[in-house]
Amino acid sequence: MSCAVKSVTRLKFGMGRVTPIRLKSNPSKKKDVTCRILTRCTRDTEASIHIGLAQALPKGKKFEEIIRKNTEIGVQEFLPLITERTEIRYPSHKWRGVHERWKRVAISAMKQSGRTILPDIHPPQPVSDILTSTQNYELKLIASAFEHDVTIRDVLHAYPDLTSVLICIGPEGGFTEAEVTQAKSHDFRAITLGKRRLRTETAGAVAAGIFAGYYDNP
């Protein structure tokens, strides 16, 4: 025998931490269904530090894949960037539909990876706005093609007890030199992601994965 629940409370942004539980329904002839909690999942699957990803908007649906992979990795906050080289724009009247689609992707990735906190997804913002609205992060990084010496390894060694990091990833072609200079004036550290050139959708996942893995397993 199968049945469907007519009224449910669905996962929404702002609901905070979710605790997975295993339930057993109690037989009833009424329309209401009562359940008994059998077990609660107490395993902490969240990253040990707060990771924010400020990522330049790529073409097509690549940002959906960015949200999917980085939600699995443990990113808690997505800040889509509009840079000098960004070629895509979302008009305000289309943003709601785009946000709903991105939110569904994040929820799916959250369930798949067993996470208990749904990431925040902000509206697209110019780089200048991000630079002045992210002072709460302990460490702020910007991936730059003009930086060849400072690596993520250097940063990890300098911050053994890091609690939060914001990673800025540019579009195809990277940030302009002016954008990197502006970021440095707002206490961002420019870093290189290595000697190989990465696609924008790959770069964020590489950087976020290194931070999540390092501080999860110090």
C-alpha atoms as a PDB file:
ATOM      1  CA  MET A   1       0.000   0.000   0.000  1.00  0.00           C
ATOM      2  CA  SER A   2       1.335   3.449  -0.887  1.00  0.00           C
ATOM      3  CA  CYS A   3       0.188   6.928   0.006  1.00  0.00           C
ATOM      4  CA  ALA A   4       1.177  10.529  -0.563  1.00  0.00           C
ATOM      5  CA  VAL A   5       1.486  13.342   1.950  1.00  0.00           C
ATOM      6  CA  LYS A   6      -0.661  16.247   0.837  1.00  0.00           C
ATOM      7  CA  SER A   7       0.849  19.058   2.942  1.00  0.00           C
ATOM      8  CA  VAL A   8       4.563  19.201   3.685  1.00  0.00           C
ATOM      9  CA  THR A   9       7.069  21.838   4.745  1.00  0.00           C
ATOM     10  CA  ARG A  10       9.693  22.043   2.040  1.00  0.00           C
ATOM     11  CA  LEU A  11      13.301  23.103   2.462  1.00  0.00           C
ATOM     12  CA  LYS A  12      13.774  26.835   1.901  1.00  0.00           C
ATOM     13  CA  PHE A  13      16.622  29.306   2.150  1.00  0.00           C
ATOM     14  CA  GLY A  14      17.002  30.780   5.596  1.00  0.00           C
ATOM     15  CA  MET A  15      15.718  27.717   7.438  1.00  0.00           C
ATOM     16  CA  GLY A  16      19.136  27.097   8.967  1.00  0.00           C
ATOM     17  CA  ARG A  17      20.620  23.692   9.728  1.00  0.00           C
ATOM     18  CA  VAL A  18      18.691  20.598   8.712  1.00  0.00           C
ATOM     19  CA  THR A  19      18.881  17.427  10.811  1.00  0.00           C
ATOM     20  CA  PRO A  20      18.280  14.218   8.826  1.00  0.00           C
ATOM     21  CA  ILE A  21      15.991  11.843  10.711  1.00  0.00           C
ATOM     22  CA  ARG A  22      14.519   8.374  10.138  1.00  0.00           C
ATOM     23  CA  LEU A  23      10.790   8.116  10.799  1.00  0.00           C
ATOM     24  CA  LYS A  24       8.181   5.436  11.216  1.00  0.00           C
ATOM     25  CA  SER A  25       4.602   6.348  10.410  1.00  0.00           C
ATOM     26  CA  ASN A  26       1.826   5.329  12.783  1.00  0.00           C
ATOM     27  CA  PRO A  27      -1.265   3.705  11.218  1.00  0.00           C
ATOM     28  CA  SER A  28      -4.313   5.924  11.267  1.00  0.00           C
ATOM     29  CA  LYS A  29      -7.706   5.942   9.602  1.00  0.00           C
ATOM     30  CA  LYS A  30      -7.758   9.715   9.629  1.00  0.00           C
ATOM     31  CA  LYS A  31      -6.275  11.975   7.013  1.00  0.00           C
ATOM     32  CA  ASP A  32      -3.524  13.118   9.383  1.00  0.00           C
ATOM     33  CA  VAL A  33      -0.349  11.069   9.591  1.00  0.00           C
ATOM     34  CA  THR A  34       1.731  10.893  12.757  1.00  0.00           C
ATOM     35  CA  CYS A  35       5.312   9.688  12.818  1.00  0.00           C
ATOM     36  CA  ARG A  36       7.728   8.477  15.447  1.00  0.00           C
ATOM     37  CA  ILE A  37      11.404   9.471  15.257  1.00  0.00           C
ATOM     38  CA  LEU A  38      13.605   6.377  15.139  1.00  0.00           C
ATOM     39  CA  THR A  39      17.057   7.906  14.720  1.00  0.00           C
ATOM     40  CA  ARG A  40      18.729  11.279  14.234  1.00  0.00           C
ATOM     41  CA  CYS A  41      21.844  11.752  12.147  1.00  0.00           C
ATOM     42  CA  THR A  42      24.413  13.546  14.308  1.00  0.00           C
ATOM     43  CA  ARG A  43      27.375  13.266  11.913  1.00  0.00           C
ATOM     44  CA  ASP A  44      28.678  16.728  11.021  1.00  0.00           C
ATOM     45  CA  THR A  45      29.141  16.926   7.245  1.00  0.00           C
ATOM     46  CA  GLU A  46      29.767  20.673   7.011  1.00  0.00           C
ATOM     47  CA  ALA A  47      33.177  22.154   6.229  1.00  0.00           C
ATOM     48  CA  SER A  48      35.267  23.130   9.238  1.00  0.00           C
ATOM     49  CA  ILE A  49      35.613  26.715   7.941  1.00  0.00           C
ATOM     50  CA  HIS A  50      33.134  29.055   6.278  1.00  0.00           C
ATOM     51  CA  ILE A  51      33.909  29.174   2.546  1.00  0.00           C
ATOM     52  CA  GLY A  52      32.483  31.869   0.303  1.00  0.00           C
ATOM     53  CA  LEU A  53      32.876  31.743  -3.475  1.00  0.00           C
ATOM     54  CA  ALA A  54      32.649  34.985  -5.454  1.00  0.00           C
ATOM     55  CA  GLN A  55      32.578  33.684  -9.006  1.00  0.00           C
ATOM     56  CA  ALA A  56      32.332  35.643 -12.251  1.00  0.00           C
ATOM     57  CA  LEU A  57      29.250  34.682 -14.242  1.00  0.00           C
ATOM     58  CA  PRO A  58      30.188  32.356 -17.133  1.00  0.00           C
ATOM     59  CA  LYS A  59      28.241  31.813 -20.335  1.00  0.00           C
ATOM     60  CA  GLY A  60      25.349  29.387 -20.628  1.00  0.00           C
ATOM     61  CA  LYS A  61      24.419  27.179 -17.711  1.00  0.00           C
ATOM     62  CA  LYS A  62      27.927  26.764 -16.341  1.00  0.00           C
ATOM     63  CA  PHE A  63      27.023  28.566 -13.123  1.00  0.00           C
ATOM     64  CA  GLU A  64      24.590  25.765 -12.300  1.00  0.00           C
ATOM     65  CA  GLU A  65      27.502  23.319 -12.438  1.00  0.00           C
ATOM     66  CA  ILE A  66      29.577  25.689 -10.309  1.00  0.00           C
ATOM     67  CA  ILE A  67      26.835  25.689  -7.668  1.00  0.00           C
ATOM     68  CA  ARG A  68      26.413  21.924  -7.864  1.00  0.00           C
ATOM     69  CA  LYS A  69      30.081  20.979  -7.481  1.00  0.00           C
ATOM     70  CA  ASN A  70      30.943  23.610  -4.884  1.00  0.00           C
ATOM     71  CA  THR A  71      27.890  22.808  -2.769  1.00  0.00           C
ATOM     72  CA  GLU A  72      29.118  19.203  -2.673  1.00  0.00           C
ATOM     73  CA  ILE A  73      32.583  20.454  -1.680  1.00  0.00           C
ATOM     74  CA  GLY A  74      31.218  22.525   1.214  1.00  0.00           C
ATOM     75  CA  VAL A  75      30.883  26.142   0.035  1.00  0.00           C
ATOM     76  CA  GLN A  76      28.391  28.010   2.243  1.00  0.00           C
ATOM     77  CA  GLU A  77      27.936  31.213   0.240  1.00  0.00           C
ATOM     78  CA  PHE A  78      27.831  31.999  -3.488  1.00  0.00           C
ATOM     79  CA  LEU A  79      28.345  35.563  -4.715  1.00  0.00           C
ATOM     80  CA  PRO A  80      27.973  35.788  -8.535  1.00  0.00           C
ATOM     81  CA  LEU A  81      30.254  38.492  -9.950  1.00  0.00           C
ATOM     82  CA  ILE A  82      29.833  40.941 -12.807  1.00  0.00           C
ATOM     83  CA  THR A  83      33.329  41.864 -14.017  1.00  0.00           C
ATOM     84  CA  GLU A  84      34.721  43.945 -16.859  1.00  0.00           C
ATOM     85  CA  ARG A  85      34.986  40.792 -18.978  1.00  0.00           C
ATOM     86  CA  THR A  86      31.643  39.240 -17.981  1.00  0.00           C
ATOM     87  CA  GLU A  87      29.572  38.672 -21.126  1.00  0.00           C
ATOM     88  CA  ILE A  88      26.292  37.594 -19.542  1.00  0.00           C
ATOM     89  CA  ARG A  89      23.770  39.745 -17.672  1.00  0.00           C
ATOM     90  CA  TYR A  90      20.513  38.830 -15.938  1.00  0.00           C
ATOM     91  CA  PRO A  91      17.837  41.552 -16.166  1.00  0.00           C
ATOM     92  CA  SER A  92      16.067  42.157 -12.867  1.00  0.00           C
ATOM     93  CA  HIS A  93      12.774  40.762 -14.178  1.00  0.00           C
ATOM     94  CA  LYS A  94      14.491  37.432 -14.987  1.00  0.00           C
ATOM     95  CA  TRP A  95      16.493  37.110 -11.776  1.00  0.00           C
ATOM     96  CA  ARG A  96      13.728  35.430  -9.762  1.00  0.00           C
ATOM     97  CA  GLY A  97      13.467  32.542 -12.220  1.00  0.00           C
ATOM     98  CA  VAL A  98      17.234  32.169 -12.411  1.00  0.00           C
ATOM     99  CA  HIS A  99      17.522  32.183  -8.628  1.00  0.00           C
ATOM    100  CA  GLU A 100      14.835  29.529  -8.257  1.00  0.00           C
ATOM    101  CA  ARG A 101      16.679  27.311 -10.741  1.00  0.00           C
ATOM    102  CA  TRP A 102      20.004  27.771  -8.967  1.00  0.00           C
ATOM    103  CA  LYS A 103      18.340  27.099  -5.636  1.00  0.00           C
ATOM    104  CA  ARG A 104      16.974  23.763  -6.889  1.00  0.00           C
ATOM    105  CA  VAL A 105      20.474  22.817  -8.020  1.00  0.00           C
ATOM    106  CA  ALA A 106      21.883  23.672  -4.574  1.00  0.00           C
ATOM    107  CA  ILE A 107      19.204  21.645  -2.790  1.00  0.00           C
ATOM    108  CA  SER A 108      19.865  18.642  -5.032  1.00  0.00           C
ATOM    109  CA  ALA A 109      23.623  18.860  -4.396  1.00  0.00           C
ATOM    110  CA  MET A 110      23.040  19.312  -0.672  1.00  0.00           C
ATOM    111  CA  LYS A 111      20.964  16.133  -0.513  1.00  0.00           C
ATOM    112  CA  GLN A 112      23.443  14.172  -2.634  1.00  0.00           C
ATOM    113  CA  SER A 113      26.416  15.152  -0.468  1.00  0.00           C
ATOM    114  CA  GLY A 114      24.635  14.706   2.866  1.00  0.00           C
ATOM    115  CA  ARG A 115      25.073  18.307   3.938  1.00  0.00           C
ATOM    116  CA  THR A 116      22.859  19.865   6.596  1.00  0.00           C
ATOM    117  CA  ILE A 117      23.079  23.575   5.715  1.00  0.00           C
ATOM    118  CA  LEU A 118      21.757  25.044   2.484  1.00  0.00           C
ATOM    119  CA  PRO A 119      24.202  27.551   0.921  1.00  0.00           C
ATOM    120  CA  ASP A 120      23.185  31.172   0.389  1.00  0.00           C
ATOM    121  CA  ILE A 121      23.053  32.364  -3.222  1.00  0.00           C
ATOM    122  CA  HIS A 122      23.222  36.139  -3.668  1.00  0.00           C
ATOM    123  CA  PRO A 123      22.110  38.164  -6.712  1.00  0.00           C
ATOM    124  CA  PRO A 124      24.847  39.038  -9.222  1.00  0.00           C
ATOM    125  CA  GLN A 125      26.881  42.053  -8.116  1.00  0.00           C
ATOM    126  CA  PRO A 126      29.670  44.194  -9.590  1.00  0.00           C
ATOM    127  CA  VAL A 127      33.165  43.471  -8.304  1.00  0.00           C
ATOM    128  CA  SER A 128      33.277  46.858  -6.563  1.00  0.00           C
ATOM    129  CA  ASP A 129      30.231  45.957  -4.443  1.00  0.00           C
ATOM    130  CA  ILE A 130      31.744  42.643  -3.359  1.00  0.00           C
ATOM    131  CA  LEU A 131      34.952  44.341  -2.285  1.00  0.00           C
ATOM    132  CA  THR A 132      33.121  46.622   0.129  1.00  0.00           C
ATOM    133  CA  SER A 133      30.519  44.183   1.491  1.00  0.00           C
ATOM    134  CA  THR A 134      32.635  41.219   2.582  1.00  0.00           C
ATOM    135  CA  GLN A 135      34.592  42.635   5.537  1.00  0.00           C
ATOM    136  CA  ASN A 136      33.302  39.835   7.763  1.00  0.00           C
ATOM    137  CA  TYR A 137      35.645  37.302   6.116  1.00  0.00           C
ATOM    138  CA  GLU A 138      38.885  36.628   7.956  1.00  0.00           C
ATOM    139  CA  LEU A 139      40.773  36.010   4.703  1.00  0.00           C
ATOM    140  CA  LYS A 140      39.905  37.297   1.226  1.00  0.00           C
ATOM    141  CA  LEU A 141      41.641  35.957  -1.879  1.00  0.00           C
ATOM    142  CA  ILE A 142      41.517  36.826  -5.564  1.00  0.00           C
ATOM    143  CA  ALA A 143      42.885  34.449  -8.195  1.00  0.00           C
ATOM    144  CA  SER A 144      45.071  36.447 -10.545  1.00  0.00           C
ATOM    145  CA  ALA A 145      47.018  35.763 -13.720  1.00  0.00           C
ATOM    146  CA  PHE A 146      49.342  38.595 -12.670  1.00  0.00           C
ATOM    147  CA  GLU A 147      50.430  36.752  -9.508  1.00  0.00           C
ATOM    148  CA  HIS A 148      53.074  34.050  -9.897  1.00  0.00           C
ATOM    149  CA  ASP A 149      54.602  33.699  -6.433  1.00  0.00           C
ATOM    150  CA  VAL A 150      51.897  33.447  -3.752  1.00  0.00           C
ATOM    151  CA  THR A 151      50.151  30.052  -3.820  1.00  0.00           C
ATOM    152  CA  ILE A 152      47.334  28.541  -1.784  1.00  0.00           C
ATOM    153  CA  ARG A 153      49.982  26.502   0.047  1.00  0.00           C
ATOM    154  CA  ASP A 154      51.600  29.739   1.248  1.00  0.00           C
ATOM    155  CA  VAL A 155      48.237  30.958   2.537  1.00  0.00           C
ATOM    156  CA  LEU A 156      47.470  27.706   4.341  1.00  0.00           C
ATOM    157  CA  HIS A 157      50.780  27.839   6.193  1.00  0.00           C
ATOM    158  CA  ALA A 158      50.156  31.456   7.215  1.00  0.00           C
ATOM    159  CA  TYR A 159      46.628  30.780   8.578  1.00  0.00           C
ATOM    160  CA  PRO A 160      46.660  27.530  10.602  1.00  0.00           C
ATOM    161  CA  ASP A 161      43.489  28.466  12.535  1.00  0.00           C
ATOM    162  CA  LEU A 162      41.455  30.067   9.750  1.00  0.00           C
ATOM    163  CA  THR A 163      37.692  30.340  10.350  1.00  0.00           C
ATOM    164  CA  SER A 164      36.465  31.881   7.081  1.00  0.00           C
ATOM    165  CA  VAL A 165      37.741  32.510   3.560  1.00  0.00           C
ATOM    166  CA  LEU A 166      36.319  34.269   0.508  1.00  0.00           C
ATOM    167  CA  ILE A 167      37.676  33.122  -2.853  1.00  0.00           C
ATOM    168  CA  CYS A 168      37.218  35.365  -5.912  1.00  0.00           C
ATOM    169  CA  ILE A 169      37.391  33.686  -9.311  1.00  0.00           C
ATOM    170  CA  GLY A 170      37.343  35.678 -12.545  1.00  0.00           C
ATOM    171  CA  PRO A 171      35.745  34.997 -15.933  1.00  0.00           C
ATOM    172  CA  GLU A 172      37.393  33.346 -18.919  1.00  0.00           C
ATOM    173  CA  GLY A 173      40.410  35.570 -19.454  1.00  0.00           C
ATOM    174  CA  GLY A 174      40.627  36.378 -15.738  1.00  0.00           C
ATOM    175  CA  PHE A 175      40.286  39.614 -13.813  1.00  0.00           C
ATOM    176  CA  THR A 176      41.764  42.747 -15.338  1.00  0.00           C
ATOM    177  CA  GLU A 177      44.850  44.238 -13.745  1.00  0.00           C
ATOM    178  CA  ALA A 178      42.757  47.180 -12.545  1.00  0.00           C
ATOM    179  CA  GLU A 179      40.296  44.839 -10.788  1.00  0.00           C
ATOM    180  CA  VAL A 180      43.129  42.991  -9.030  1.00  0.00           C
ATOM    181  CA  THR A 181      44.686  46.276  -7.924  1.00  0.00           C
ATOM    182  CA  GLN A 182      41.333  47.472  -6.598  1.00  0.00           C
ATOM    183  CA  ALA A 183      40.847  44.210  -4.689  1.00  0.00           C
ATOM    184  CA  LYS A 184      44.275  44.532  -3.084  1.00  0.00           C
ATOM    185  CA  SER A 185      43.338  48.000  -1.861  1.00  0.00           C
ATOM    186  CA  HIS A 186      40.449  46.326   0.030  1.00  0.00           C
ATOM    187  CA  ASP A 187      42.670  43.785   1.807  1.00  0.00           C
ATOM    188  CA  PHE A 188      42.349  40.975  -0.732  1.00  0.00           C
ATOM    189  CA  ARG A 189      45.426  38.818  -1.312  1.00  0.00           C
ATOM    190  CA  ALA A 190      46.230  37.908  -4.902  1.00  0.00           C
ATOM    191  CA  ILE A 191      47.152  34.258  -5.436  1.00  0.00           C
ATOM    192  CA  THR A 192      48.013  31.920  -8.262  1.00  0.00           C
ATOM    193  CA  LEU A 193      46.177  28.604  -8.661  1.00  0.00           C
ATOM    194  CA  GLY A 194      49.193  26.955 -10.268  1.00  0.00           C
ATOM    195  CA  LYS A 195      51.093  26.811 -13.520  1.00  0.00           C
ATOM    196  CA  ARG A 196      48.235  25.346 -15.554  1.00  0.00           C
ATOM    197  CA  ARG A 197      45.409  27.469 -16.949  1.00  0.00           C
ATOM    198  CA  LEU A 198      42.032  26.408 -15.541  1.00  0.00           C
ATOM    199  CA  ARG A 199      38.544  27.026 -16.851  1.00  0.00           C
ATOM    200  CA  THR A 200      36.562  29.389 -14.644  1.00  0.00           C
ATOM    201  CA  GLU A 201      34.167  26.611 -13.572  1.00  0.00           C
ATOM    202  CA  THR A 202      37.141  24.441 -12.582  1.00  0.00           C
ATOM    203  CA  ALA A 203      39.151  27.095 -10.737  1.00  0.00           C
ATOM    204  CA  GLY A 204      36.610  27.732  -7.981  1.00  0.00           C
ATOM    205  CA  ALA A 205      36.146  24.040  -7.235  1.00  0.00           C
ATOM    206  CA  VAL A 206      39.917  23.506  -7.066  1.00  0.00           C
ATOM    207  CA  ALA A 207      40.431  26.362  -4.608  1.00  0.00           C
ATOM    208  CA  ALA A 208      37.394  25.567  -2.454  1.00  0.00           C
ATOM    209  CA  GLY A 209      38.289  21.878  -2.375  1.00  0.00           C
ATOM    210  CA  ILE A 210      41.808  22.600  -1.144  1.00  0.00           C
ATOM    211  CA  PHE A 211      40.547  24.765   1.728  1.00  0.00           C
ATOM    212  CA  ALA A 212      37.768  22.354   2.711  1.00  0.00           C
ATOM    213  CA  GLY A 213      40.077  19.346   2.666  1.00  0.00           C
ATOM    214  CA  TYR A 214      42.924  21.050   4.509  1.00  0.00           C
ATOM    215  CA  TYR A 215      40.882  22.366   7.433  1.00  0.00           C
ATOM    216  CA  ASP A 216      38.682  19.285   7.652  1.00  0.00           C
ATOM    217  CA  ASN A 217      41.826  17.192   8.097  1.00  0.00           C
ATOM    218  CA  PRO A 218      44.431  19.443   9.791  1.00  0.00           C
END
